[in-house]
Structure formats: C-alpha cells, structure tokens
Protein backbone atom coordinates (compact mmCIF):
# COMPACT_ATOMS: atom_id res chain seq x y z
CA MET A 1 165.06 186.45 73.86
CA THR A 2 168.30 184.52 73.57
CA PHE A 3 169.05 181.77 71.11
CA PRO A 4 168.73 178.30 72.74
CA THR A 5 171.97 176.39 72.26
CA ASN A 6 171.57 173.31 74.42
CA THR A 7 168.43 173.68 76.50
CA GLY A 8 165.52 171.45 75.62
CA ASP A 9 164.88 169.49 72.48
CA PRO A 10 163.18 170.83 69.38
CA PRO A 11 159.82 169.22 68.67
CA LEU A 12 159.90 166.17 66.43
CA SER A 13 158.77 166.56 62.86
CA LEU A 14 155.71 164.59 61.80
CA SER A 15 157.98 162.25 59.88
CA GLN A 16 160.19 161.65 62.94
CA THR A 17 157.14 161.08 65.12
CA PHE A 18 155.75 158.47 62.76
CA VAL A 19 159.14 156.75 62.56
CA GLN A 20 159.24 156.62 66.36
CA ILE A 21 155.74 155.14 66.57
CA ARG A 22 156.72 152.46 64.10
CA ALA A 23 159.93 151.74 66.03
CA VAL A 24 158.06 151.42 69.33
CA ALA A 25 155.50 149.10 67.73
CA GLY A 26 158.32 147.04 66.21
CA GLY A 27 159.98 146.75 69.60
CA ILE A 28 156.73 145.59 71.16
CA LYS A 29 156.37 142.89 68.52
CA GLN A 30 159.99 141.80 68.95
CA GLN A 31 159.66 141.47 72.73
CA ALA A 32 156.31 139.65 72.43
CA VAL A 33 157.80 137.14 69.96
CA ALA A 34 160.78 136.56 72.27
CA LEU A 35 158.63 136.06 75.38
CA LYS A 36 156.31 133.70 73.52
CA ALA A 37 159.28 131.60 72.41
CA ARG A 38 160.58 131.48 75.99
CA SER A 39 157.16 130.45 77.27
CA LEU A 40 157.06 127.55 74.81
CA ALA A 41 160.52 126.38 75.89
CA GLY A 42 159.66 126.06 79.58
CA PRO A 43 158.57 127.91 82.69
CA VAL A 44 159.04 131.69 82.72
CA PRO A 45 160.20 133.37 85.93
CA ALA A 46 157.51 135.60 87.44
CA PRO A 47 159.84 138.63 87.53
CA ASP A 48 160.29 138.36 83.75
CA VAL A 49 156.52 138.57 83.24
CA MET A 50 156.33 141.50 85.65
CA TYR A 51 159.14 143.34 83.84
CA PHE A 52 157.49 142.72 80.47
CA CYS A 53 154.20 144.07 81.82
CA THR A 54 155.88 147.24 83.10
CA TRP A 55 157.90 147.61 79.90
CA LEU A 56 154.77 147.18 77.78
CA ALA A 57 152.81 149.71 79.86
CA ASN A 58 155.63 152.25 79.48
CA HIS A 59 155.76 151.73 75.73
CA ARG A 60 151.99 152.04 75.52
CA ALA A 61 152.29 155.45 77.20
CA THR A 62 155.00 156.42 74.71
CA LEU A 63 152.74 155.41 71.82
CA ALA A 64 149.88 157.49 73.24
CA ALA A 65 152.09 160.56 73.64
CA LEU A 66 153.47 160.27 70.12
CA ALA A 67 150.09 159.56 68.55
CA ALA A 68 148.66 162.73 70.11
CA THR A 69 150.93 164.84 67.89
CA GLU A 70 148.85 167.45 66.11
CA GLY A 71 148.63 166.87 62.37
CA LEU A 72 150.03 163.35 62.50
CA ALA A 73 146.89 161.58 61.26
CA ALA A 74 146.67 163.78 58.16
CA TYR A 75 150.40 163.42 57.50
CA VAL A 76 150.27 159.63 57.72
CA ALA A 77 147.13 159.46 55.56
CA THR A 78 148.98 161.15 52.71
CA TYR A 79 151.70 158.48 52.69
CA PHE A 80 149.50 155.45 53.36
CA PRO A 81 146.17 156.34 51.73
CA ALA A 82 145.08 152.74 51.20
CA VAL A 83 145.47 151.77 54.86
CA ASN A 84 143.30 152.96 57.71
CA LEU A 85 146.19 153.54 60.10
CA ALA A 86 143.98 155.12 62.75
CA ALA A 87 141.96 151.91 62.97
CA ALA A 88 145.10 149.75 62.90
CA TYR A 89 146.67 151.85 65.66
CA THR A 90 143.51 151.65 67.78
CA THR A 91 143.33 147.87 67.35
CA MET A 92 147.03 147.47 68.21
CA VAL A 93 146.73 149.59 71.36
CA ALA A 94 143.58 147.71 72.41
CA GLN A 95 145.56 144.47 72.18
CA VAL A 96 148.44 145.99 74.14
CA ASP A 97 145.86 146.84 76.81
CA ALA A 98 144.41 143.30 76.71
CA THR A 99 147.88 141.79 77.08
CA ILE A 100 148.64 144.02 80.06
CA ALA A 101 145.25 143.15 81.56
CA TRP A 102 146.01 139.42 81.28
CA MET A 103 149.28 139.85 83.15
CA VAL A 104 147.70 142.00 85.86
CA ALA A 105 144.80 139.57 86.32
CA ASN A 106 146.88 136.39 86.29
CA PHE A 107 150.00 137.39 88.17
CA PRO A 108 150.25 135.56 91.51
CA LYS A 109 149.26 137.93 94.30
CA ALA A 110 148.73 137.86 98.03
CA ALA A 111 145.25 138.67 99.33
CA SER A 112 146.49 142.24 99.86
CA GLY A 113 147.36 142.53 96.17
CA GLU A 114 151.14 142.38 96.66
CA LEU A 115 152.93 140.46 93.93
CA LEU A 116 154.35 137.06 94.79
CA LEU A 117 157.72 136.92 93.07
CA VAL A 118 159.63 134.56 95.37
CA LYS A 119 159.01 132.08 98.15
CA PHE A 120 161.11 131.09 101.13
CA ALA A 121 162.36 127.56 101.64
CA ALA A 122 162.68 126.15 105.15
CA ASP A 123 166.44 126.83 105.10
CA GLY A 124 165.91 130.54 104.40
CA THR A 125 166.82 130.50 100.73
CA THR A 126 164.41 131.87 98.16
CA THR A 127 163.03 130.40 94.99
CA THR A 128 161.66 132.53 92.18
CA ASN A 129 158.05 131.76 91.32
CA THR A 130 157.49 130.78 87.71
CA PHE A 131 154.66 130.58 85.23
CA SER A 132 154.40 127.08 83.77
CA THR A 133 154.01 126.54 80.05
CA ALA A 134 150.47 125.28 80.74
CA VAL A 135 149.50 128.42 82.69
CA LEU A 136 150.97 130.52 79.91
CA THR A 137 148.74 128.96 77.22
CA THR A 138 146.21 131.79 77.44
CA PHE A 139 149.03 134.32 77.72
CA ARG A 140 150.51 133.03 74.48
CA ALA A 141 147.11 133.52 72.88
CA GLN A 142 147.25 137.18 73.97
CA LEU A 143 150.79 137.48 72.62
CA ASP A 144 149.70 135.90 69.31
CA LEU A 145 146.93 138.48 69.00
CA LEU A 146 149.38 141.28 69.80
CA ILE A 147 151.98 140.00 67.34
CA ALA A 148 149.33 139.74 64.61
CA GLN A 149 148.42 143.42 65.04
CA ILE A 150 151.93 144.66 64.21
CA ASP A 151 153.37 144.27 60.73
C-alpha cells in the first residue's frame, strides 16, 4: 500500500465534526434572521424564497451527515453534560423541516406543480412574483421558531 499524499480527505475528528455542526447551525440562524428582516421591510421575490428553501434543505442534509458520525454523541456529552444536545439537535432539525415544509406548501405553483417564479406582461417582459409581507406573516412565525432553536 502506498502513502496517500493528496487523494481524498482524512476523516474529521469528533471535535472538528462538532465545530462544523455548530457552524452550519449558526449559518442557518444567520440566514433566517436576514430573510425575516427582509420580509418585514417589504415584498420578497419568489426566487429568493426558493433559493432559501434549497439552501436550507442542503444544509439540513449536511447536518444529518455530520450528526451521523460514530461516537459524536458521547464526545459532545462529555463537554456539555448539563445540556441534552441530542434533544436540542432533534428539535432544531424538526423546525428546519417545518420551515422547509411551509415554503414547499405555500410557494405559488401551477396545477402541474411547476413553480411560478415570473409572469409575462402583455409586451413580453417578465415580472418576478413576490411574497407580500402579509403572506409572509406565517413564514416569519416559522423563521422565529427556527431562530429560537439555535443559540
């Protein structure tokens, strides 16, 4: 067997894995806070909501992959014995799922399920569909719940 010089990455240590989980969670909170602020300031373009939904789903998958690291729960429990991080993680991920579900359920769609991002004007130009601040009231409630789950 030859020594690997630049092929593949070594597995992350438990410490690095936990740091990455915390960074991903922090990024989720940061993006949720920013989108909430934008939704309070005025209408939000439909593509922005779609991109956030996709971004959030990708980060949820990253969290799941990292959290599946063998030995991580025991490692974390030794450094945070007073906090039930498994329960906190499960609650956070459940709220990520609920936030994604809101976007999927409330995004404007054609009868065929295709997303309605833009509409044509009579002159052939397009206008981006938006979510009004009123429509986003329940979305902000989902974002508030998500933000509250991440310290």
